[in-house]
Amino acid sequence: MPLSKVEPLEVHLRSIVWGYGDWWYRDFGDESNTVRARIDAASWTKTRVQGVPGYVQVSFRVIEQ
């Protein structure tokens, strides 16, 4: 994932204190298929992708409310 997209996401997550919000993932289908969920801050990891400058691999757990 481009670091330029991860940084605004991290700013948003901090601004909502990693709290619950509407969560949609493209595998859910239509964007109206949302759930209330949050990203577990303790599970958030960001690792640089070797040989691909400006990209990181992000891993996290989503907890549904």
N, C-alpha and C. Protein backbone atom coordinates (compact mmCIF):
# COMPACT_ATOMS: atom_id res chain seq x y z
N MET A 1 0.85 -1.16 0.00
CA MET A 1 0.00 0.00 0.00
C MET A 1 0.91 1.23 0.00
N PRO A 2 0.59 2.22 -0.81
CA PRO A 2 1.44 3.42 -0.81
C PRO A 2 1.41 4.11 0.55
N LEU A 3 2.58 4.48 1.01
CA LEU A 3 2.69 5.18 2.29
C LEU A 3 1.85 6.46 2.28
N SER A 4 1.69 7.06 1.11
CA SER A 4 0.89 8.29 1.00
C SER A 4 -0.58 8.05 1.34
N LYS A 5 -1.05 6.82 1.26
CA LYS A 5 -2.43 6.49 1.64
C LYS A 5 -2.52 6.00 3.09
N VAL A 6 -1.44 5.43 3.59
CA VAL A 6 -1.44 4.92 4.96
C VAL A 6 -1.40 6.07 5.97
N GLU A 7 -0.60 7.07 5.70
CA GLU A 7 -0.46 8.17 6.65
C GLU A 7 -1.79 8.88 6.94
N PRO A 8 -2.61 9.23 5.92
CA PRO A 8 -3.91 9.84 6.24
C PRO A 8 -4.83 8.89 7.01
N LEU A 9 -4.75 7.61 6.73
CA LEU A 9 -5.55 6.62 7.46
C LEU A 9 -5.14 6.61 8.94
N GLU A 10 -3.84 6.63 9.21
CA GLU A 10 -3.37 6.65 10.60
C GLU A 10 -3.82 7.93 11.31
N VAL A 11 -3.78 9.05 10.61
CA VAL A 11 -4.24 10.32 11.20
C VAL A 11 -5.72 10.21 11.55
N HIS A 12 -6.51 9.64 10.65
CA HIS A 12 -7.94 9.47 10.91
C HIS A 12 -8.18 8.55 12.11
N LEU A 13 -7.49 7.42 12.14
CA LEU A 13 -7.68 6.47 13.24
C LEU A 13 -7.32 7.10 14.59
N ARG A 14 -6.25 7.89 14.62
CA ARG A 14 -5.90 8.58 15.87
C ARG A 14 -6.96 9.62 16.24
N SER A 15 -7.51 10.31 15.23
CA SER A 15 -8.50 11.35 15.51
C SER A 15 -9.79 10.77 16.08
N ILE A 16 -10.12 9.53 15.74
CA ILE A 16 -11.32 8.89 16.30
C ILE A 16 -10.95 7.96 17.46
N VAL A 17 -9.72 8.07 17.91
CA VAL A 17 -9.18 7.30 19.03
C VAL A 17 -9.40 5.80 18.79
N TRP A 18 -9.18 5.39 17.55
CA TRP A 18 -9.29 3.98 17.15
C TRP A 18 -10.66 3.41 17.52
N GLY A 19 -11.68 4.26 17.50
CA GLY A 19 -13.02 3.85 17.91
C GLY A 19 -13.83 3.23 16.78
N TYR A 20 -15.08 2.93 17.11
CA TYR A 20 -15.99 2.29 16.16
C TYR A 20 -16.49 3.28 15.12
N GLY A 21 -16.73 2.76 13.95
CA GLY A 21 -17.28 3.56 12.86
C GLY A 21 -17.87 2.62 11.83
N ASP A 22 -18.42 3.19 10.77
CA ASP A 22 -18.95 2.36 9.68
C ASP A 22 -17.79 1.76 8.92
N TRP A 23 -17.84 0.47 8.73
CA TRP A 23 -16.75 -0.27 8.10
C TRP A 23 -17.29 -0.97 6.88
N TRP A 24 -16.63 -0.80 5.76
CA TRP A 24 -17.00 -1.47 4.53
C TRP A 24 -15.73 -2.02 3.89
N TYR A 25 -15.85 -3.20 3.33
CA TYR A 25 -14.75 -3.84 2.62
C TYR A 25 -15.32 -4.34 1.30
N ARG A 26 -14.58 -4.16 0.22
CA ARG A 26 -15.15 -4.48 -1.10
C ARG A 26 -15.67 -5.90 -1.21
N ASP A 27 -15.12 -6.84 -0.45
CA ASP A 27 -15.64 -8.22 -0.49
C ASP A 27 -17.03 -8.32 0.13
N PHE A 28 -17.47 -7.28 0.86
CA PHE A 28 -18.83 -7.27 1.41
C PHE A 28 -19.86 -7.02 0.32
N GLY A 29 -19.40 -6.59 -0.86
CA GLY A 29 -20.34 -6.27 -1.94
C GLY A 29 -20.61 -4.78 -1.98
N ASP A 30 -21.86 -4.43 -2.20
CA ASP A 30 -22.27 -3.04 -2.32
C ASP A 30 -21.86 -2.22 -1.10
N GLU A 31 -21.54 -0.96 -1.33
CA GLU A 31 -21.07 -0.09 -0.24
C GLU A 31 -22.12 0.13 0.84
N SER A 32 -23.37 -0.21 0.57
CA SER A 32 -24.40 -0.08 1.60
C SER A 32 -24.30 -1.21 2.63
N ASN A 33 -23.51 -2.23 2.35
CA ASN A 33 -23.32 -3.36 3.27
C ASN A 33 -22.20 -3.04 4.26
N THR A 34 -22.48 -2.12 5.17
CA THR A 34 -21.48 -1.73 6.17
C THR A 34 -21.80 -2.37 7.51
N VAL A 35 -20.81 -2.43 8.36
CA VAL A 35 -20.98 -2.89 9.74
C VAL A 35 -20.31 -1.87 10.66
N ARG A 36 -20.71 -1.86 11.92
CA ARG A 36 -20.02 -1.03 12.91
C ARG A 36 -18.83 -1.83 13.40
N ALA A 37 -17.66 -1.27 13.25
CA ALA A 37 -16.45 -2.00 13.61
C ALA A 37 -15.33 -0.99 13.90
N ARG A 38 -14.24 -1.54 14.42
CA ARG A 38 -13.05 -0.71 14.67
C ARG A 38 -11.81 -1.54 14.36
N ILE A 39 -10.72 -0.84 14.15
CA ILE A 39 -9.43 -1.50 13.98
C ILE A 39 -8.77 -1.55 15.35
N ASP A 40 -8.35 -2.74 15.74
CA ASP A 40 -7.68 -2.93 17.02
C ASP A 40 -6.28 -2.30 16.94
N ALA A 41 -6.09 -1.23 17.69
CA ALA A 41 -4.82 -0.49 17.63
C ALA A 41 -3.62 -1.38 17.97
N ALA A 42 -3.81 -2.30 18.90
CA ALA A 42 -2.70 -3.18 19.30
C ALA A 42 -2.28 -4.13 18.19
N SER A 43 -3.17 -4.37 17.24
CA SER A 43 -2.86 -5.31 16.16
C SER A 43 -2.23 -4.62 14.94
N TRP A 44 -2.24 -3.29 14.92
CA TRP A 44 -1.78 -2.52 13.76
C TRP A 44 -0.27 -2.66 13.60
N THR A 45 0.16 -3.17 12.44
CA THR A 45 1.59 -3.21 12.11
C THR A 45 1.78 -2.65 10.72
N LYS A 46 2.91 -2.02 10.55
CA LYS A 46 3.26 -1.41 9.26
C LYS A 46 4.71 -1.77 8.98
N THR A 47 4.95 -2.44 7.86
CA THR A 47 6.28 -2.91 7.51
C THR A 47 6.64 -2.42 6.12
N ARG A 48 7.84 -1.90 5.97
CA ARG A 48 8.29 -1.46 4.64
C ARG A 48 8.42 -2.66 3.71
N VAL A 49 8.11 -2.44 2.45
CA VAL A 49 8.22 -3.48 1.43
C VAL A 49 9.61 -3.36 0.81
N GLN A 50 10.42 -4.37 1.02
CA GLN A 50 11.79 -4.33 0.53
C GLN A 50 11.80 -4.22 -0.98
N GLY A 51 12.58 -3.29 -1.50
CA GLY A 51 12.72 -3.09 -2.93
C GLY A 51 11.62 -2.27 -3.58
N VAL A 52 10.66 -1.81 -2.79
CA VAL A 52 9.56 -0.99 -3.32
C VAL A 52 9.46 0.28 -2.47
N PRO A 53 10.25 1.28 -2.81
CA PRO A 53 10.26 2.52 -2.01
C PRO A 53 8.87 3.16 -1.96
N GLY A 54 8.53 3.67 -0.79
CA GLY A 54 7.27 4.38 -0.63
C GLY A 54 6.06 3.50 -0.40
N TYR A 55 6.29 2.19 -0.26
CA TYR A 55 5.18 1.27 -0.01
C TYR A 55 5.40 0.53 1.30
N VAL A 56 4.29 0.21 1.96
CA VAL A 56 4.35 -0.55 3.21
C VAL A 56 3.29 -1.65 3.16
N GLN A 57 3.52 -2.66 3.97
CA GLN A 57 2.52 -3.71 4.17
C GLN A 57 1.86 -3.41 5.51
N VAL A 58 0.53 -3.36 5.50
CA VAL A 58 -0.23 -3.05 6.70
C VAL A 58 -1.02 -4.28 7.11
N SER A 59 -1.03 -4.56 8.39
CA SER A 59 -1.78 -5.68 8.92
C SER A 59 -2.53 -5.21 10.16
N PHE A 60 -3.79 -5.64 10.30
CA PHE A 60 -4.58 -5.25 11.46
C PHE A 60 -5.77 -6.17 11.62
N ARG A 61 -6.37 -6.13 12.79
CA ARG A 61 -7.57 -6.92 13.10
C ARG A 61 -8.76 -5.98 13.19
N VAL A 62 -9.85 -6.38 12.57
CA VAL A 62 -11.09 -5.61 12.63
C VAL A 62 -12.03 -6.28 13.62
N ILE A 63 -12.57 -5.49 14.54
CA ILE A 63 -13.47 -6.01 15.56
C ILE A 63 -14.86 -5.42 15.32
N GLU A 64 -15.82 -6.29 15.04
CA GLU A 64 -17.18 -5.84 14.81
C GLU A 64 -17.87 -5.57 16.13
N GLN A 65 -18.70 -4.52 16.15
CA GLN A 65 -19.40 -4.16 17.37
C GLN A 65 -20.62 -5.03 17.59
